[in-house]
Protein backbone atom coordinates (compact mmCIF):
# COMPACT_ATOMS: atom_id res chain seq x y z
CA MET A 1 164.42 141.44 167.76
CA SER A 2 167.41 141.53 170.10
CA VAL A 3 167.80 138.96 172.83
CA GLU A 4 167.06 141.63 175.46
CA THR A 5 163.54 142.18 174.11
CA ILE A 6 162.37 138.55 174.27
CA ALA A 7 159.26 138.49 176.42
CA ASP A 8 159.46 136.68 179.75
CA ASP A 9 156.55 134.47 178.68
CA ALA A 10 158.34 133.32 175.52
CA VAL A 11 160.05 129.98 175.02
CA ALA A 12 163.01 129.86 172.64
CA VAL A 13 164.06 126.99 170.42
CA ALA A 14 167.76 126.68 171.20
CA GLY A 15 168.44 123.54 169.18
CA VAL A 16 166.84 121.04 166.83
CA GLY A 17 167.93 117.69 165.46
CA MET A 18 166.60 114.76 163.49
CA HIS A 19 167.43 111.22 162.49
CA GLN A 20 166.71 110.71 158.79
CA TRP A 21 163.38 109.09 158.03
CA GLY A 22 163.50 105.68 156.34
CA LYS A 23 162.81 102.02 156.95
CA TRP A 24 165.80 101.09 159.05
CA GLY A 25 164.29 98.30 161.15
CA ARG A 26 166.18 99.17 164.33
CA ASN A 27 165.14 100.02 167.87
CA PHE A 28 163.32 103.36 167.93
CA VAL A 29 165.49 104.44 170.88
CA GLU A 30 168.55 104.53 168.63
CA TYR A 31 166.87 107.08 166.37
CA GLY A 32 165.77 109.24 169.29
CA VAL A 33 169.25 109.33 170.84
CA VAL A 34 170.71 110.51 167.52
CA ALA A 35 168.08 113.27 167.29
CA ILE A 36 168.69 114.37 170.90
CA GLU A 37 172.45 114.48 170.45
CA ARG A 38 172.07 116.57 167.30
CA ALA A 39 169.66 118.97 169.02
CA LEU A 40 172.00 119.35 171.99
CA ALA A 41 174.94 120.03 169.67
CA ASP A 42 172.88 122.57 167.76
CA ALA A 43 172.03 124.34 171.02
CA GLY A 44 175.53 124.11 172.45
CA VAL A 45 174.06 122.44 175.54
CA ASP A 46 175.40 119.41 177.42
CA TRP A 47 173.07 116.61 178.48
CA SER A 48 173.97 117.34 182.12
CA GLU A 49 172.35 120.79 181.74
CA VAL A 50 168.95 119.42 180.71
CA GLN A 51 166.38 119.73 183.48
CA PHE A 52 163.31 118.09 181.93
CA VAL A 53 162.56 115.56 179.18
CA ALA A 54 159.24 115.35 177.36
CA GLY A 55 158.78 112.29 175.18
CA GLY A 56 156.18 111.52 172.55
CA GLY A 57 154.89 108.00 173.12
CA THR A 58 154.66 105.17 170.59
CA VAL A 59 152.28 102.23 171.03
CA ARG A 60 154.13 99.98 168.58
CA ASN A 61 157.34 99.47 170.50
CA GLY A 62 156.31 97.80 173.73
CA TYR A 63 156.66 99.22 177.20
CA PRO A 64 159.65 101.46 176.31
CA GLY A 65 157.41 103.20 173.76
CA TYR A 66 154.63 103.75 176.27
CA VAL A 67 157.07 105.47 178.67
CA ALA A 68 159.18 107.23 176.04
CA GLY A 69 160.23 110.13 178.27
CA ALA A 70 161.85 107.75 180.74
CA THR A 71 163.19 105.55 177.95
CA PHE A 72 165.15 108.40 176.39
CA ALA A 73 166.28 109.80 179.74
CA GLN A 74 167.73 106.39 180.58
CA ALA A 75 169.31 105.97 177.14
CA MET A 76 171.04 109.34 177.47
CA GLY A 77 172.06 108.60 181.05
CA TRP A 78 169.99 108.99 184.21
CA THR A 79 170.53 112.37 185.88
CA GLY A 80 167.56 112.42 188.25
CA ILE A 81 165.52 114.94 186.25
CA PRO A 82 161.71 114.88 185.88
CA ILE A 83 160.18 113.48 182.71
CA SER A 84 156.80 113.23 181.00
CA THR A 85 155.37 111.08 178.23
CA SER A 86 152.51 112.20 176.00
CA TYR A 87 150.46 110.03 173.70
CA ALA A 88 147.97 111.67 171.35
CA ALA A 89 148.54 109.60 168.19
CA CYS A 90 149.89 111.92 165.47
CA ALA A 91 149.57 114.92 167.80
CA SER A 92 151.87 113.34 170.42
CA GLY A 93 154.81 115.55 169.49
CA VAL A 94 152.98 118.82 170.10
CA GLN A 95 151.57 117.57 173.38
CA ALA A 96 155.17 116.85 174.40
CA ILE A 97 156.20 120.34 173.27
CA GLN A 98 153.39 121.83 175.32
CA SER A 99 154.42 119.77 178.36
CA ALA A 100 157.99 121.08 178.21
CA ARG A 101 156.85 124.61 177.44
CA ALA A 102 154.53 124.62 180.44
CA GLN A 103 157.36 123.48 182.72
CA ILE A 104 159.53 126.35 181.49
CA LEU A 105 156.82 129.01 181.72
CA ALA A 106 155.90 127.81 185.22
CA GLY A 107 159.51 128.33 186.29
CA PHE A 108 160.18 124.68 187.09
CA CYS A 109 163.05 124.46 184.62
CA ASP A 110 164.79 126.55 181.98
CA VAL A 111 166.26 123.85 179.69
CA ALA A 112 164.08 121.02 178.35
CA VAL A 113 164.43 118.34 175.68
CA VAL A 114 161.46 117.25 173.59
CA VAL A 115 161.83 114.03 171.60
CA GLY A 116 159.78 111.61 169.54
CA ALA A 117 160.86 108.51 167.63
CA ASP A 118 159.19 105.52 166.02
CA THR A 119 159.85 102.19 164.34
CA THR A 120 156.84 101.27 162.21
CA PRO A 121 155.59 98.04 160.63
CA LYS A 122 155.35 97.38 156.93
CA GLY A 123 152.08 98.40 155.34
CA PHE A 124 149.27 100.12 157.17
CA LEU A 125 149.38 101.48 160.70
CA LYS A 126 146.88 99.15 162.34
CA PRO A 127 145.42 98.81 165.84
CA ASN A 128 147.29 96.80 168.44
CA GLU A 129 146.16 93.23 168.84
CA GLY A 130 143.61 92.50 171.54
CA GLY A 131 141.15 95.23 170.61
CA SER A 132 137.44 94.87 171.25
CA GLY A 133 133.99 96.05 170.25
CA THR A 134 134.42 99.18 172.39
CA ASP A 135 137.41 100.39 170.34
CA PRO A 136 136.39 102.19 167.13
CA ASP A 137 139.94 101.97 165.78
CA TRP A 138 139.86 98.17 166.11
CA LEU A 139 136.32 98.00 164.75
CA ARG A 140 136.95 100.04 161.62
CA PHE A 141 139.72 97.62 160.62
CA HIS A 142 138.03 94.34 161.56
CA LEU A 143 134.38 95.19 161.00
CA MET A 144 134.65 97.54 158.02
CA GLY A 145 138.10 96.90 156.57
CA ALA A 146 138.59 100.68 156.62
CA THR A 147 142.34 101.29 156.62
CA ASN A 148 143.69 104.83 156.81
CA PRO A 149 143.83 105.26 153.00
CA THR A 150 140.13 104.39 152.88
CA TYR A 151 139.39 107.57 154.81
CA PHE A 152 141.88 109.58 152.75
CA GLY A 153 140.12 108.46 149.58
CA MET A 154 136.71 109.45 150.93
CA TYR A 155 137.98 112.90 151.94
CA ALA A 156 139.45 113.32 148.46
CA ARG A 157 136.20 112.25 146.79
CA ARG A 158 134.38 114.77 148.98
CA ARG A 159 136.60 117.60 147.64
CA MET A 160 135.89 116.50 144.10
CA GLU A 161 132.14 116.49 144.66
CA LEU A 162 131.92 119.74 146.62
CA PHE A 163 134.63 121.92 145.10
CA GLY A 164 135.51 120.45 141.73
CA ALA A 165 138.96 119.16 142.66
CA THR A 166 140.53 116.92 140.05
CA GLU A 167 142.89 113.96 140.19
CA GLU A 168 145.48 116.22 138.58
CA ASP A 169 145.15 118.70 141.47
CA PHE A 170 146.01 115.95 143.94
CA ALA A 171 148.94 114.86 141.79
CA GLN A 172 150.23 118.43 141.55
CA VAL A 173 150.46 118.61 145.35
CA LYS A 174 152.78 115.61 145.24
CA VAL A 175 154.81 117.15 142.42
CA LYS A 176 155.19 120.40 144.40
CA ASN A 177 156.23 118.70 147.62
CA SER A 178 158.57 116.17 146.05
CA ALA A 179 160.50 118.97 144.34
CA VAL A 180 161.55 120.38 147.73
CA GLY A 181 161.66 117.02 149.50
CA ALA A 182 164.30 115.94 147.01
CA THR A 183 166.65 118.54 148.54
CA ASN A 184 165.94 117.65 152.20
CA PRO A 185 168.65 115.43 153.72
CA ASN A 186 166.28 114.22 156.45
CA ALA A 187 163.57 113.05 154.03
CA ARG A 188 163.07 109.38 153.20
CA TYR A 189 162.17 109.95 149.56
CA GLN A 190 164.67 112.39 148.08
CA LYS A 191 163.25 112.29 144.58
CA ALA A 192 161.31 114.80 142.51
CA PHE A 193 158.34 113.20 140.74
CA SER A 194 156.74 114.43 137.53
CA LEU A 195 153.00 114.74 137.02
CA ASP A 196 153.06 111.79 134.64
CA GLU A 197 154.88 109.61 137.18
CA VAL A 198 152.35 110.41 139.90
CA MET A 199 149.37 109.84 137.61
CA ALA A 200 150.82 106.51 136.45
CA SER A 201 151.31 105.12 139.96
CA PRO A 202 148.86 102.40 141.09
CA MET A 203 145.43 103.33 142.43
CA VAL A 204 145.20 102.59 146.17
CA ALA A 205 142.00 104.23 147.44
CA ASN A 206 140.12 105.86 144.59
CA PRO A 207 140.89 108.60 143.59
CA LEU A 208 144.26 108.48 145.38
CA ARG A 209 147.31 106.77 143.95
CA LEU A 210 150.34 105.22 145.60
CA LEU A 211 152.55 108.30 145.29
CA GLU A 212 149.81 110.49 146.82
CA ILE A 213 149.60 108.56 150.11
CA CYS A 214 152.30 108.80 152.78
CA ALA A 215 154.22 105.71 153.82
CA THR A 216 154.92 104.40 157.31
CA SER A 217 158.48 105.26 158.31
CA ASP A 218 161.11 105.05 161.03
CA GLY A 219 162.57 108.33 162.21
CA ALA A 220 163.09 110.76 165.06
CA ALA A 221 163.08 114.47 165.88
CA ALA A 222 164.16 116.40 168.97
CA MET A 223 164.32 119.97 170.25
CA VAL A 224 165.99 121.88 173.05
CA LEU A 225 163.66 124.51 174.50
CA VAL A 226 164.89 127.22 176.87
CA SER A 227 163.44 130.11 178.83
CA ALA A 228 163.93 133.72 177.78
CA GLU A 229 166.36 134.23 180.66
CA ARG A 230 168.40 131.18 179.65
CA ALA A 231 168.38 132.30 176.00
CA ALA A 232 169.87 135.63 177.09
CA LYS A 233 172.58 133.91 179.14
CA MET A 234 173.40 131.71 176.14
CA GLY A 235 173.76 134.82 173.98
CA LEU A 236 171.13 133.68 171.49
CA LYS A 237 170.47 136.51 169.06
CA SER A 238 166.90 136.66 167.74
CA PRO A 239 166.13 133.03 168.57
CA VAL A 240 163.12 131.27 167.10
CA ARG A 241 160.30 131.59 169.63
CA ILE A 242 157.26 129.40 170.16
CA THR A 243 154.46 131.96 170.49
CA GLY A 244 151.37 129.80 170.12
CA VAL A 245 150.48 126.17 170.77
CA SER A 246 147.09 124.56 170.17
CA THR A 247 146.08 121.17 171.55
CA VAL A 248 142.32 121.63 171.21
CA THR A 249 139.67 118.92 171.00
CA PRO A 250 136.38 118.90 169.03
CA SER A 251 133.27 120.69 170.28
CA TYR A 252 129.82 119.08 170.37
CA PRO A 253 128.22 118.46 167.97
CA ASN A 254 131.13 117.23 165.86
CA ALA A 255 129.14 116.67 162.68
CA VAL A 256 132.13 116.02 160.39
CA ILE A 257 133.46 112.48 160.23
CA GLU A 258 136.95 112.06 161.65
CA MET A 259 139.13 108.97 161.45
CA PRO A 260 138.79 106.41 163.07
CA ASN A 261 135.10 107.02 163.72
CA PHE A 262 132.42 105.79 161.36
CA SER A 263 129.60 108.00 162.59
CA THR A 264 129.26 111.60 163.76
CA ASP A 265 127.42 113.45 166.48
CA SER A 266 123.88 114.32 165.50
CA ALA A 267 123.33 118.03 164.94
CA ALA A 268 119.54 117.63 164.99
CA GLY A 269 117.82 119.44 167.84
CA VAL A 270 120.89 121.34 169.02
CA ALA A 271 122.41 124.69 168.22
CA GLU A 272 124.13 125.17 164.89
CA PRO A 273 127.70 123.88 165.18
CA GLY A 274 130.46 126.48 165.37
CA PRO A 275 133.80 126.15 163.60
CA THR A 276 134.70 122.63 162.56
CA PHE A 277 137.30 120.79 164.60
CA ARG A 278 140.01 121.28 162.00
CA ASP A 279 139.23 124.98 161.67
CA SER A 280 139.45 125.39 165.44
CA ILE A 281 142.97 123.95 165.69
CA ALA A 282 144.80 126.78 163.95
CA ALA A 283 142.38 129.40 165.31
CA ALA A 284 143.50 128.66 168.88
CA ALA A 285 147.19 128.93 167.95
CA TYR A 286 146.60 132.22 166.10
CA ALA A 287 144.75 133.66 169.09
CA GLU A 288 147.57 132.82 171.49
CA ALA A 289 150.33 134.07 169.19
CA GLY A 290 148.50 137.26 168.25
CA VAL A 291 148.92 136.66 164.51
CA GLY A 292 146.66 135.53 161.68
CA PRO A 293 146.92 133.63 158.42
CA GLU A 294 147.83 136.85 156.64
CA ASP A 295 151.04 136.95 158.69
CA LEU A 296 152.29 133.49 157.71
CA ASP A 297 155.42 133.13 155.63
CA LEU A 298 155.18 129.33 155.50
CA ALA A 299 153.23 126.39 156.88
CA GLU A 300 153.91 122.72 157.53
CA VAL A 301 150.63 120.83 157.25
CA TYR A 302 149.65 117.21 157.77
CA ASP A 303 149.53 115.73 154.28
CA LEU A 304 148.65 112.13 155.03
CA SER A 305 147.49 112.31 151.44
CA SER A 306 148.06 114.94 148.79
CA ALA A 307 144.34 115.71 148.82
CA LEU A 308 144.34 116.41 152.56
CA GLU A 309 146.89 119.17 152.05
CA LEU A 310 144.24 121.10 150.11
CA ASP A 311 141.81 120.82 153.02
CA TRP A 312 144.43 122.26 155.37
CA TYR A 313 144.88 125.37 153.19
CA GLU A 314 141.31 126.26 154.10
CA ASN A 315 141.50 125.08 157.72
CA ILE A 316 144.45 127.40 158.45
CA GLY A 317 142.80 130.33 156.68
CA LEU A 318 144.98 130.70 153.60
CA CYS A 319 141.83 130.86 151.48
CA PRO A 320 138.04 130.49 151.74
CA GLU A 321 136.48 127.04 151.59
CA GLY A 322 136.53 125.73 148.05
CA ASP A 323 139.43 127.92 146.87
CA ALA A 324 142.34 125.62 147.75
CA GLU A 325 142.68 124.28 144.23
CA LYS A 326 143.03 127.80 142.84
CA LEU A 327 145.68 128.61 145.44
CA LEU A 328 147.62 125.53 144.36
CA ARG A 329 147.23 126.15 140.63
CA ASP A 330 148.35 129.77 141.00
CA GLY A 331 151.57 128.64 142.69
CA GLU A 332 150.77 130.47 145.93
CA THR A 333 151.74 127.46 148.08
CA SER A 334 154.89 126.57 146.14
CA LEU A 335 158.39 127.69 147.07
CA GLY A 336 158.51 131.33 145.95
CA GLY A 337 154.74 131.73 146.33
CA ARG A 338 152.78 133.82 148.84
CA CYS A 339 152.86 131.17 151.56
CA PRO A 340 154.84 128.02 150.74
CA VAL A 341 153.25 124.92 152.29
CA ASN A 342 155.34 121.90 153.23
CA PRO A 343 158.72 123.24 152.09
CA SER A 344 160.19 120.26 153.98
CA GLY A 345 158.55 117.93 151.46
CA GLY A 346 155.80 117.02 153.92
CA LEU A 347 154.75 113.53 154.91
CA GLY A 348 154.79 112.59 151.25
CA ALA A 349 158.58 112.87 151.39
CA PHE A 350 159.00 111.64 154.97
CA GLY A 351 156.23 109.17 155.78
CA GLU A 352 154.72 108.67 159.23
CA ALA A 353 156.92 108.22 162.29
CA VAL A 354 154.01 109.06 164.53
CA PRO A 355 155.42 110.62 167.74
CA ALA A 356 158.19 112.38 165.81
CA GLN A 357 156.35 114.05 162.95
CA ALA A 358 154.79 117.01 164.79
CA ILE A 359 158.20 117.75 166.33
CA ALA A 360 159.81 117.42 162.91
CA GLN A 361 157.41 120.07 161.60
CA VAL A 362 158.68 122.52 164.24
CA CYS A 363 162.28 121.59 163.42
CA GLU A 364 161.57 122.61 159.82
CA LEU A 365 160.10 125.94 160.93
CA THR A 366 163.21 126.53 163.04
CA TRP A 367 165.59 125.93 160.13
CA GLN A 368 163.44 128.09 157.86
CA LEU A 369 163.19 131.00 160.30
CA ARG A 370 166.94 130.84 160.91
CA GLY A 371 167.62 130.85 157.16
CA GLN A 372 169.28 127.42 157.33
CA ALA A 373 167.02 125.44 154.97
CA GLY A 374 169.33 125.44 151.95
CA ALA A 375 167.73 124.89 148.56
CA ARG A 376 164.25 124.75 150.08
CA GLN A 377 164.63 128.06 151.95
CA VAL A 378 161.60 130.36 152.11
CA GLU A 379 162.87 133.88 151.56
CA ASP A 380 162.85 136.18 154.60
CA ALA A 381 160.68 133.82 156.69
CA LYS A 382 159.62 135.31 160.03
CA VAL A 383 156.37 133.54 160.98
CA GLY A 384 155.49 129.89 160.45
CA LEU A 385 152.74 127.50 161.48
CA THR A 386 152.51 123.73 161.88
CA ILE A 387 149.28 121.78 162.02
CA ASN A 388 148.16 118.20 162.28
CA GLN A 389 145.72 116.07 164.21
CA GLY A 390 145.78 112.78 166.07
CA LEU A 391 143.15 110.08 166.24
CA PHE A 392 140.37 110.49 168.79
CA GLY A 393 140.19 114.27 168.71
CA HIS A 394 143.69 115.58 169.27
CA GLY A 395 144.39 118.94 167.67
CA SER A 396 147.98 120.02 167.11
CA SER A 397 149.38 123.36 165.97
CA VAL A 398 152.48 125.42 166.76
CA ILE A 399 153.32 128.95 165.69
CA CYS A 400 156.97 130.02 165.63
CA GLN A 401 158.26 133.54 165.11
CA ARG A 402 161.59 135.26 164.80
């Protein structure tokens, strides 16, 4: 597609940048500034040209984290531009993308920066202190002792009971992702693990082992989004375009348990539920972009655990329910397969830097669609999808095309 044929309602990704994931122990703002500067350099745009900043919020870093849009605008140098801050747990990054995209499509600006960064504690991501009996996230920790891996383990056990998944299937997901993560300079864990190494790692939440559960990490990701008109003025040839964004919420009755809840809506006495929440996330993005799962060349999915990656294969329509294990075993989701999943290495290679990770997924799509992904490159990639979800019913999916 030439630059002249970009639709007026399209938003182009002019630049992307990241700060490597790790456990650096520094102020999250430092990471975000690095990511912004790299995205600006990638786009060939000066900070003075940016007309809007959308930040993904973090609740672990005090007031600056709560007002991340302003925090990063100040760190880069006040220029008087409008800002926004979005918090939707792990979906914060896509809500920030949607905020910037809406500003561009409404004609309020034509150059926007989207950024998310986090500094995380050791161990589990836990609720902030001062919670109460009205906060299910606080309750599941203090009343039930149900940390995040507890839920991951229950979801994995569900796959085993319903669809015959095995512990080796879960381990093979880690093996697949670590092979590409080892080549990703932005990943925290740049090491390829063997099946034996994964299976020998300590059990954390039966049936999931240490190497099958993502860590908590520091890191940052940023993007420069521009209007179609601005892309043309910049001379961008066939830029990566964001053609679909989903930020859906569940529909009643939500009869499938979702973290951090410990009960579901009752489906008794009401109409049969429609698509599950997770199924609805990608469906909304497909509908807006005018593509379907058969069009995907790659996908970045939210592998909080290796087992959850298998669920996402079905949720994004790569296969019918119960067939994810076959898709994995046949190599269809590996690099070189029909639709590689998590060619970045996924969260297993990165860990969680909550407001940054959904943005990082779109950065990976951008590099892949440009053909700039190096050893992890998906051949002739033209259409990619990201998907994740945040606590308390936040869907998150982006479709990019070139």
